[in-house]
Amino acid sequence: MSEEFISEGAFLESLKRNNTKIREDRATAIVEDAQIMYKREVEDLAIHLKRLKREQDNMLDLSPTDADSLVLATDFDAKNYVAKDLELGIKIRNMEIRLEIAKKRYAYLFGNNLKL
């Protein structure tokens, strides 16, 4: 081969890397991908939790049209209200548990806490 075609470019350097360097590069790529996806999952859980809490809080607003109106007592279905409120409470609690576990696992796996 002619000396004019062989130079110390990125391609040759990549081929010359030792096994340790190759494994380190692969490990870094895997960790970066996993960390980004884990962080995104934790953020999504936090957003979902906020929305559930907001939905439960909005159930306290019994004014159907404006701030001065109020649902008539005959139109209010207490049984459905209680069922929905409890269902949301259970979803919120489950989401809080999932978020807590996800944050702890993130900190354990990636060595830092996630600020949300």
C-alpha atoms as a PDB file:
ATOM      1  CA  MET A   1       0.000   0.000   0.000  1.00  0.00           C
ATOM      2  CA  SER A   2       1.178   3.457  -0.719  1.00  0.00           C
ATOM      3  CA  GLU A   3       2.159   5.720   2.175  1.00  0.00           C
ATOM      4  CA  GLU A   4       0.176   8.587   0.646  1.00  0.00           C
ATOM      5  CA  PHE A   5      -3.154   6.873   1.422  1.00  0.00           C
ATOM      6  CA  ILE A   6      -2.462   5.978   5.067  1.00  0.00           C
ATOM      7  CA  SER A   7      -2.912   8.845   7.463  1.00  0.00           C
ATOM      8  CA  GLU A   8      -3.795   9.126  11.123  1.00  0.00           C
ATOM      9  CA  GLY A   9      -7.472   9.991  10.639  1.00  0.00           C
ATOM     10  CA  ALA A  10     -10.429   9.020  12.769  1.00  0.00           C
ATOM     11  CA  PHE A  11     -11.040   5.803  10.834  1.00  0.00           C
ATOM     12  CA  LEU A  12      -7.530   4.446  11.441  1.00  0.00           C
ATOM     13  CA  GLU A  13      -7.569   5.573  15.054  1.00  0.00           C
ATOM     14  CA  SER A  14     -10.868   3.783  15.554  1.00  0.00           C
ATOM     15  CA  LEU A  15      -9.440   0.569  14.139  1.00  0.00           C
ATOM     16  CA  LYS A  16      -6.416   0.827  16.432  1.00  0.00           C
ATOM     17  CA  ARG A  17      -8.407   1.238  19.640  1.00  0.00           C
ATOM     18  CA  ASN A  18      -7.751  -1.420  22.232  1.00  0.00           C
ATOM     19  CA  ASN A  19     -10.400  -3.691  23.721  1.00  0.00           C
ATOM     20  CA  THR A  20     -10.672  -1.641  26.924  1.00  0.00           C
ATOM     21  CA  LYS A  21     -11.357   1.561  25.004  1.00  0.00           C
ATOM     22  CA  ILE A  22     -13.949  -0.151  22.798  1.00  0.00           C
ATOM     23  CA  ARG A  23     -15.759  -1.556  25.844  1.00  0.00           C
ATOM     24  CA  GLU A  24     -15.620   1.826  27.557  1.00  0.00           C
ATOM     25  CA  ASP A  25     -17.146   3.556  24.517  1.00  0.00           C
ATOM     26  CA  ARG A  26     -19.918   0.957  24.302  1.00  0.00           C
ATOM     27  CA  ALA A  27     -20.632   1.216  28.031  1.00  0.00           C
ATOM     28  CA  THR A  28     -20.839   4.998  27.812  1.00  0.00           C
ATOM     29  CA  ALA A  29     -23.296   4.811  24.915  1.00  0.00           C
ATOM     30  CA  ILE A  30     -25.492   2.290  26.748  1.00  0.00           C
ATOM     31  CA  VAL A  31     -25.518   4.326  29.976  1.00  0.00           C
ATOM     32  CA  GLU A  32     -26.322   7.573  28.168  1.00  0.00           C
ATOM     33  CA  ASP A  33     -29.266   5.995  26.346  1.00  0.00           C
ATOM     34  CA  ALA A  34     -30.606   4.317  29.477  1.00  0.00           C
ATOM     35  CA  GLN A  35     -30.202   7.464  31.587  1.00  0.00           C
ATOM     36  CA  ILE A  36     -32.045   9.638  29.081  1.00  0.00           C
ATOM     37  CA  MET A  37     -34.910   7.149  28.814  1.00  0.00           C
ATOM     38  CA  TYR A  38     -35.107   6.696  32.593  1.00  0.00           C
ATOM     39  CA  LYS A  39     -35.145  10.449  33.144  1.00  0.00           C
ATOM     40  CA  ARG A  40     -37.895  10.842  30.568  1.00  0.00           C
ATOM     41  CA  GLU A  41     -39.945   8.104  32.264  1.00  0.00           C
ATOM     42  CA  VAL A  42     -39.592   9.796  35.669  1.00  0.00           C
ATOM     43  CA  GLU A  43     -40.630  13.134  34.173  1.00  0.00           C
ATOM     44  CA  ASP A  44     -43.631  11.530  32.460  1.00  0.00           C
ATOM     45  CA  LEU A  45     -44.712   9.923  35.742  1.00  0.00           C
ATOM     46  CA  ALA A  46     -44.454  13.296  37.506  1.00  0.00           C
ATOM     47  CA  ILE A  47     -46.575  14.982  34.844  1.00  0.00           C
ATOM     48  CA  HIS A  48     -49.185  12.226  34.981  1.00  0.00           C
ATOM     49  CA  LEU A  49     -49.337  12.540  38.773  1.00  0.00           C
ATOM     50  CA  LYS A  50     -49.876  16.308  38.559  1.00  0.00           C
ATOM     51  CA  ARG A  51     -52.691  15.814  36.075  1.00  0.00           C
ATOM     52  CA  LEU A  52     -54.414  13.246  38.282  1.00  0.00           C
ATOM     53  CA  LYS A  53     -54.191  15.574  41.287  1.00  0.00           C
ATOM     54  CA  ARG A  54     -55.537  18.435  39.197  1.00  0.00           C
ATOM     55  CA  GLU A  55     -58.429  16.268  38.009  1.00  0.00           C
ATOM     56  CA  GLN A  56     -59.266  15.358  41.598  1.00  0.00           C
ATOM     57  CA  ASP A  57     -59.080  19.006  42.669  1.00  0.00           C
ATOM     58  CA  ASN A  58     -61.324  20.006  39.767  1.00  0.00           C
ATOM     59  CA  MET A  59     -64.012  17.688  41.116  1.00  0.00           C
ATOM     60  CA  LEU A  60     -64.492  20.225  43.930  1.00  0.00           C
ATOM     61  CA  ASP A  61     -65.667  22.778  41.378  1.00  0.00           C
ATOM     62  CA  LEU A  62     -69.396  22.206  41.288  1.00  0.00           C
ATOM     63  CA  SER A  63     -70.222  25.341  39.333  1.00  0.00           C
ATOM     64  CA  PRO A  64     -71.225  24.111  35.875  1.00  0.00           C
ATOM     65  CA  THR A  65     -71.256  27.401  33.968  1.00  0.00           C
ATOM     66  CA  ASP A  66     -69.597  30.199  35.952  1.00  0.00           C
ATOM     67  CA  ALA A  67     -68.349  31.068  39.431  1.00  0.00           C
ATOM     68  CA  ASP A  68     -71.801  32.134  40.602  1.00  0.00           C
ATOM     69  CA  SER A  69     -73.709  29.026  39.539  1.00  0.00           C
ATOM     70  CA  LEU A  70     -73.917  25.754  41.443  1.00  0.00           C
ATOM     71  CA  VAL A  71     -75.042  22.236  40.651  1.00  0.00           C
ATOM     72  CA  LEU A  72     -78.566  21.623  41.854  1.00  0.00           C
ATOM     73  CA  ALA A  73     -78.833  19.134  44.693  1.00  0.00           C
ATOM     74  CA  THR A  74     -81.136  16.987  42.575  1.00  0.00           C
ATOM     75  CA  ASP A  75     -78.536  16.836  39.772  1.00  0.00           C
ATOM     76  CA  PHE A  76     -75.688  15.831  42.050  1.00  0.00           C
ATOM     77  CA  ASP A  77     -74.918  12.101  42.061  1.00  0.00           C
ATOM     78  CA  ALA A  78     -73.097  11.538  45.348  1.00  0.00           C
ATOM     79  CA  LYS A  79     -72.451   7.853  44.690  1.00  0.00           C
ATOM     80  CA  ASN A  80     -70.689   8.563  41.381  1.00  0.00           C
ATOM     81  CA  TYR A  81     -68.797  11.456  42.937  1.00  0.00           C
ATOM     82  CA  VAL A  82     -67.470   9.259  45.750  1.00  0.00           C
ATOM     83  CA  ALA A  83     -66.594   6.408  43.366  1.00  0.00           C
ATOM     84  CA  LYS A  84     -64.670   8.715  41.015  1.00  0.00           C
ATOM     85  CA  ASP A  85     -62.929  10.507  43.888  1.00  0.00           C
ATOM     86  CA  LEU A  86     -61.787   7.210  45.424  1.00  0.00           C
ATOM     87  CA  GLU A  87     -60.698   5.876  42.028  1.00  0.00           C
ATOM     88  CA  LEU A  88     -58.607   8.989  41.453  1.00  0.00           C
ATOM     89  CA  GLY A  89     -57.188   8.716  44.980  1.00  0.00           C
ATOM     90  CA  ILE A  90     -56.048   5.163  44.300  1.00  0.00           C
ATOM     91  CA  LYS A  91     -54.527   6.158  40.941  1.00  0.00           C
ATOM     92  CA  ILE A  92     -52.725   9.065  42.624  1.00  0.00           C
ATOM     93  CA  ARG A  93     -51.340   6.851  45.382  1.00  0.00           C
ATOM     94  CA  ASN A  94     -50.171   4.229  42.884  1.00  0.00           C
ATOM     95  CA  MET A  95     -48.554   6.918  40.759  1.00  0.00           C
ATOM     96  CA  GLU A  96     -46.815   8.390  43.829  1.00  0.00           C
ATOM     97  CA  ILE A  97     -45.408   4.944  44.626  1.00  0.00           C
ATOM     98  CA  ARG A  98     -44.239   4.413  41.028  1.00  0.00           C
ATOM     99  CA  LEU A  99     -42.639   7.864  40.946  1.00  0.00           C
ATOM    100  CA  GLU A 100     -40.887   7.322  44.280  1.00  0.00           C
ATOM    101  CA  ILE A 101     -39.514   3.964  43.124  1.00  0.00           C
ATOM    102  CA  ALA A 102     -38.437   5.399  39.771  1.00  0.00           C
ATOM    103  CA  LYS A 103     -36.595   8.306  41.446  1.00  0.00           C
ATOM    104  CA  LYS A 104     -34.791   5.975  43.867  1.00  0.00           C
ATOM    105  CA  ARG A 105     -33.804   3.596  41.077  1.00  0.00           C
ATOM    106  CA  TYR A 106     -32.603   6.500  38.933  1.00  0.00           C
ATOM    107  CA  ALA A 107     -30.424   7.741  41.794  1.00  0.00           C
ATOM    108  CA  TYR A 108     -29.085   4.233  42.412  1.00  0.00           C
ATOM    109  CA  LEU A 109     -28.396   3.462  38.744  1.00  0.00           C
ATOM    110  CA  PHE A 110     -26.985   6.805  37.670  1.00  0.00           C
ATOM    111  CA  GLY A 111     -25.562   8.203  40.893  1.00  0.00           C
ATOM    112  CA  ASN A 112     -27.526  11.402  41.174  1.00  0.00           C
ATOM    113  CA  ASN A 113     -30.966  12.587  42.199  1.00  0.00           C
ATOM    114  CA  LEU A 114     -33.445  13.891  39.701  1.00  0.00           C
ATOM    115  CA  LYS A 115     -34.870  17.329  40.461  1.00  0.00           C
ATOM    116  CA  LEU A 116     -38.502  17.679  39.388  1.00  0.00           C
END
